[in-house]
Amino acid sequence: MRFYAQTPARRNRQVLVDLIAVALIAVAVWAALVVRDTIMLLAEPGRRVESSGDRLAEGLGNAGEAASGVPLIGGVLKKPLESAADAGAGIADAGVSLQETVTQVADVVTTALIVIPVFFVLLLWLPPRLLWIRRSSTLRRLAEAPGGADLLALRALTGPPRALAKLPVPPGGWADAWRQGDREAIADLSAVALKHIGLRP
């Protein structure tokens, strides 16, 4: 199995297209990660809210513990401080929830920004590439099979006429030479068919 053509012009085009496809995929991934980092900046307020809520809950909890030691009214003072500490914990939970939401949005957007462009790049690049590999393998096997040169010559006769224009026309024309089994003409025609797809005889 051959992945690249043997003729320089077609091989250079294939390598260039492959490099462009890889570069487009790399740019899509890089851009998606940049967008993700930008979205994750929105989680910073959530981190601050979480930190502030934790400090508030801790401070009010400590104040409630200290207030419980006050004679006679310690129990009365402790309850509102504990309620306020619970509210502080709720604020911290809201900050955590905001961070989780931002992370989920960032993950979904990043995945979409990677998958969609990569899908289209592969859709435009991979089928023609695989088709060329399959055709080149088929033609190479045909060239090596008994009577394959005759079939390749017929393929050249029915292909684009500009490929034959570069060769000197044998007496009676290419079709007549092929019908008469002229080995030299058949070899030239089969070489044209192979060269058309980027292979050498």
Protein backbone atom coordinates (compact mmCIF):
# COMPACT_ATOMS: atom_id res chain seq x y z
CA MET A 1 0.00 0.00 0.00
CA ARG A 2 1.38 3.38 -1.02
CA PHE A 3 0.40 6.54 0.85
CA TYR A 4 2.03 9.06 -1.47
CA ALA A 5 2.45 9.35 -5.21
CA GLN A 6 5.75 8.59 -6.90
CA THR A 7 5.65 11.55 -9.26
CA PRO A 8 7.02 14.71 -7.59
CA ALA A 9 4.23 17.10 -8.57
CA ARG A 10 1.39 14.96 -7.22
CA ARG A 11 3.41 13.87 -4.19
CA ASN A 12 4.17 17.51 -3.31
CA ARG A 13 0.46 18.38 -3.60
CA GLN A 14 -0.48 15.44 -1.36
CA VAL A 15 2.10 16.39 1.27
CA LEU A 16 0.97 20.03 1.14
CA VAL A 17 -2.70 19.05 1.59
CA ASP A 18 -1.78 16.73 4.47
CA LEU A 19 0.19 19.50 6.19
CA ILE A 20 -2.69 21.95 5.71
CA ALA A 21 -5.15 19.44 7.19
CA VAL A 22 -2.91 18.81 10.22
CA ALA A 23 -2.36 22.57 10.66
CA LEU A 24 -6.12 23.26 10.52
CA ILE A 25 -6.77 20.59 13.14
CA ALA A 26 -4.01 22.00 15.37
CA VAL A 27 -5.39 25.56 14.99
CA ALA A 28 -8.91 24.35 15.83
CA VAL A 29 -7.67 22.63 19.00
CA TRP A 30 -5.55 25.63 20.00
CA ALA A 31 -8.43 28.09 19.40
CA ALA A 32 -10.82 25.89 21.38
CA LEU A 33 -8.42 25.79 24.33
CA VAL A 34 -7.98 29.58 24.20
CA VAL A 35 -11.77 30.00 24.26
CA ARG A 36 -11.96 27.57 27.18
CA ASP A 37 -9.41 29.57 29.16
CA THR A 38 -11.38 32.74 28.42
CA ILE A 39 -14.65 31.18 29.58
CA MET A 40 -12.98 29.84 32.72
CA LEU A 41 -12.18 33.44 33.71
CA LEU A 42 -15.91 33.72 34.44
CA ALA A 43 -15.41 31.21 37.27
CA GLU A 44 -13.20 33.66 39.18
CA PRO A 45 -16.16 35.48 40.82
CA GLY A 46 -17.44 32.08 41.91
CA ARG A 47 -14.10 31.32 43.57
CA ARG A 48 -14.19 34.66 45.36
CA VAL A 49 -17.77 34.09 46.52
CA GLU A 50 -16.83 30.62 47.76
CA SER A 51 -13.80 31.97 49.63
CA SER A 52 -15.76 34.86 51.15
CA GLY A 53 -18.63 32.57 52.15
CA ASP A 54 -16.24 30.09 53.80
CA ARG A 55 -14.51 32.86 55.76
CA LEU A 56 -17.84 34.37 56.81
CA ALA A 57 -19.21 31.00 57.92
CA GLU A 58 -16.03 30.21 59.81
CA GLY A 59 -15.94 33.62 61.52
CA LEU A 60 -19.60 33.49 62.51
CA GLY A 61 -19.23 29.91 63.69
CA ASN A 62 -16.30 30.90 65.92
CA ALA A 63 -18.27 33.89 67.17
CA GLY A 64 -21.20 31.60 68.00
CA GLU A 65 -18.91 29.27 69.95
CA ALA A 66 -17.45 32.21 71.84
CA ALA A 67 -20.93 33.67 72.49
CA SER A 68 -22.13 30.38 73.93
CA GLY A 69 -19.78 30.93 76.87
CA VAL A 70 -21.54 34.16 77.91
CA PRO A 71 -23.52 33.50 81.10
CA LEU A 72 -27.31 33.57 80.91
CA ILE A 73 -27.63 34.80 77.29
CA GLY A 74 -24.98 32.63 75.62
CA GLY A 75 -27.53 30.22 74.13
CA VAL A 76 -29.64 33.10 72.82
CA LEU A 77 -26.62 34.74 71.17
CA LYS A 78 -25.32 31.50 69.70
CA LYS A 79 -28.45 30.66 67.63
CA PRO A 80 -28.51 33.74 65.34
CA LEU A 81 -24.75 33.50 64.84
CA GLU A 82 -25.10 29.85 63.84
CA SER A 83 -27.91 30.79 61.43
CA ALA A 84 -25.70 33.49 59.95
CA ALA A 85 -22.84 30.96 59.66
CA ASP A 86 -25.21 28.61 57.78
CA ALA A 87 -26.09 31.50 55.43
CA GLY A 88 -22.35 32.05 54.86
CA ALA A 89 -21.99 28.35 53.98
CA GLY A 90 -24.89 28.78 51.53
CA ILE A 91 -23.05 31.67 49.89
CA ALA A 92 -19.95 29.46 49.55
CA ASP A 93 -22.10 26.73 47.99
CA ALA A 94 -23.46 29.26 45.47
CA GLY A 95 -19.87 30.13 44.53
CA VAL A 96 -19.07 26.42 44.01
CA SER A 97 -22.23 26.01 41.91
CA LEU A 98 -21.24 28.98 39.72
CA GLN A 99 -17.79 27.47 39.16
CA GLU A 100 -19.28 24.09 38.21
CA THR A 101 -21.69 25.74 35.76
CA VAL A 102 -18.90 27.74 34.11
CA THR A 103 -16.75 24.59 33.86
CA GLN A 104 -19.59 22.64 32.23
CA VAL A 105 -20.22 25.45 29.71
CA ALA A 106 -16.48 25.66 28.97
CA ASP A 107 -16.28 21.88 28.42
CA VAL A 108 -19.28 21.84 26.05
CA VAL A 109 -18.06 24.84 24.03
CA THR A 110 -14.52 23.46 23.84
CA THR A 111 -15.75 20.07 22.67
CA ALA A 112 -17.95 21.67 20.00
CA LEU A 113 -15.13 23.96 18.83
CA ILE A 114 -12.83 20.95 18.43
CA VAL A 115 -15.22 18.33 17.06
CA ILE A 116 -17.03 20.42 14.42
CA PRO A 117 -13.97 21.87 12.61
CA VAL A 118 -12.04 18.59 12.87
CA PHE A 119 -15.05 16.72 11.45
CA PHE A 120 -15.24 19.04 8.43
CA VAL A 121 -11.48 18.92 7.85
CA LEU A 122 -11.54 15.12 7.94
CA LEU A 123 -14.63 15.06 5.74
CA LEU A 124 -12.91 17.15 3.06
CA TRP A 125 -9.45 15.60 3.39
CA LEU A 126 -9.76 11.92 4.29
CA PRO A 127 -12.15 10.51 1.61
CA PRO A 128 -10.10 11.79 -1.38
CA ARG A 129 -6.93 10.61 0.33
CA LEU A 130 -8.31 7.11 0.96
CA LEU A 131 -9.76 7.01 -2.56
CA TRP A 132 -6.33 7.77 -4.04
CA ILE A 133 -4.70 5.06 -1.91
CA ARG A 134 -7.30 2.53 -3.07
CA ARG A 135 -7.02 3.53 -6.74
CA SER A 136 -3.23 3.51 -6.72
CA SER A 137 -3.18 0.06 -5.12
CA THR A 138 -5.68 -1.22 -7.71
CA LEU A 139 -3.70 0.21 -10.63
CA ARG A 140 -0.42 -1.12 -9.25
CA ARG A 141 -1.88 -4.63 -8.91
CA LEU A 142 -3.36 -4.31 -12.41
CA ALA A 143 0.00 -3.25 -13.84
CA GLU A 144 1.67 -6.31 -12.33
CA ALA A 145 -1.04 -8.77 -13.44
CA PRO A 146 -0.87 -10.65 -16.76
CA GLY A 147 -2.55 -8.52 -19.44
CA GLY A 148 -2.73 -5.59 -17.05
CA ALA A 149 -0.69 -3.36 -19.32
CA ASP A 150 -3.34 -3.78 -22.03
CA LEU A 151 -6.06 -2.67 -19.64
CA LEU A 152 -4.00 0.28 -18.44
CA ALA A 153 -3.40 1.24 -22.07
CA LEU A 154 -7.16 1.14 -22.68
CA ARG A 155 -7.64 3.31 -19.60
CA ALA A 156 -5.17 5.84 -21.02
CA LEU A 157 -7.02 5.82 -24.38
CA THR A 158 -10.34 6.55 -22.67
CA GLY A 159 -8.85 9.09 -20.25
CA PRO A 160 -8.03 12.77 -20.71
CA PRO A 161 -6.55 13.37 -24.18
CA ARG A 162 -4.04 15.96 -22.94
CA ALA A 163 -1.99 13.16 -21.31
CA LEU A 164 -1.42 11.58 -24.75
CA ALA A 165 -0.65 14.90 -26.43
CA LYS A 166 2.88 14.88 -25.00
CA LEU A 167 3.78 11.57 -26.68
CA PRO A 168 4.67 11.08 -30.36
CA VAL A 169 1.66 9.48 -32.08
CA PRO A 170 2.49 6.10 -33.67
CA PRO A 171 1.54 5.44 -37.30
CA GLY A 172 -2.21 4.87 -37.53
CA GLY A 173 -2.86 6.45 -34.14
CA TRP A 174 -2.90 5.17 -30.56
CA ALA A 175 -6.13 3.19 -30.89
CA ASP A 176 -4.87 1.32 -33.93
CA ALA A 177 -1.54 0.55 -32.24
CA TRP A 178 -3.38 -0.77 -29.17
CA ARG A 179 -5.72 -2.94 -31.28
CA GLN A 180 -2.74 -4.43 -33.15
CA GLY A 181 -0.99 -5.23 -29.85
CA ASP A 182 2.00 -2.94 -30.40
CA ARG A 183 3.97 -3.65 -27.18
CA GLU A 184 5.86 -0.37 -27.26
CA ALA A 185 2.68 1.65 -27.72
CA ILE A 186 0.94 -0.37 -24.99
CA ALA A 187 3.86 0.24 -22.62
CA ASP A 188 3.72 3.98 -23.36
CA LEU A 189 -0.05 4.06 -22.83
CA SER A 190 0.11 2.09 -19.57
CA ALA A 191 2.84 4.47 -18.35
CA VAL A 192 0.51 7.38 -19.11
CA ALA A 193 -2.31 5.76 -17.11
CA LEU A 194 0.00 5.18 -14.15
CA LYS A 195 1.49 8.67 -14.35
CA HIS A 196 -2.00 10.18 -14.41
CA ILE A 197 -2.58 8.88 -10.88
CA GLY A 198 0.98 9.61 -9.76
CA LEU A 199 2.69 6.23 -10.18
CA ARG A 200 5.74 5.24 -12.15
CA PRO A 201 5.82 2.17 -14.43
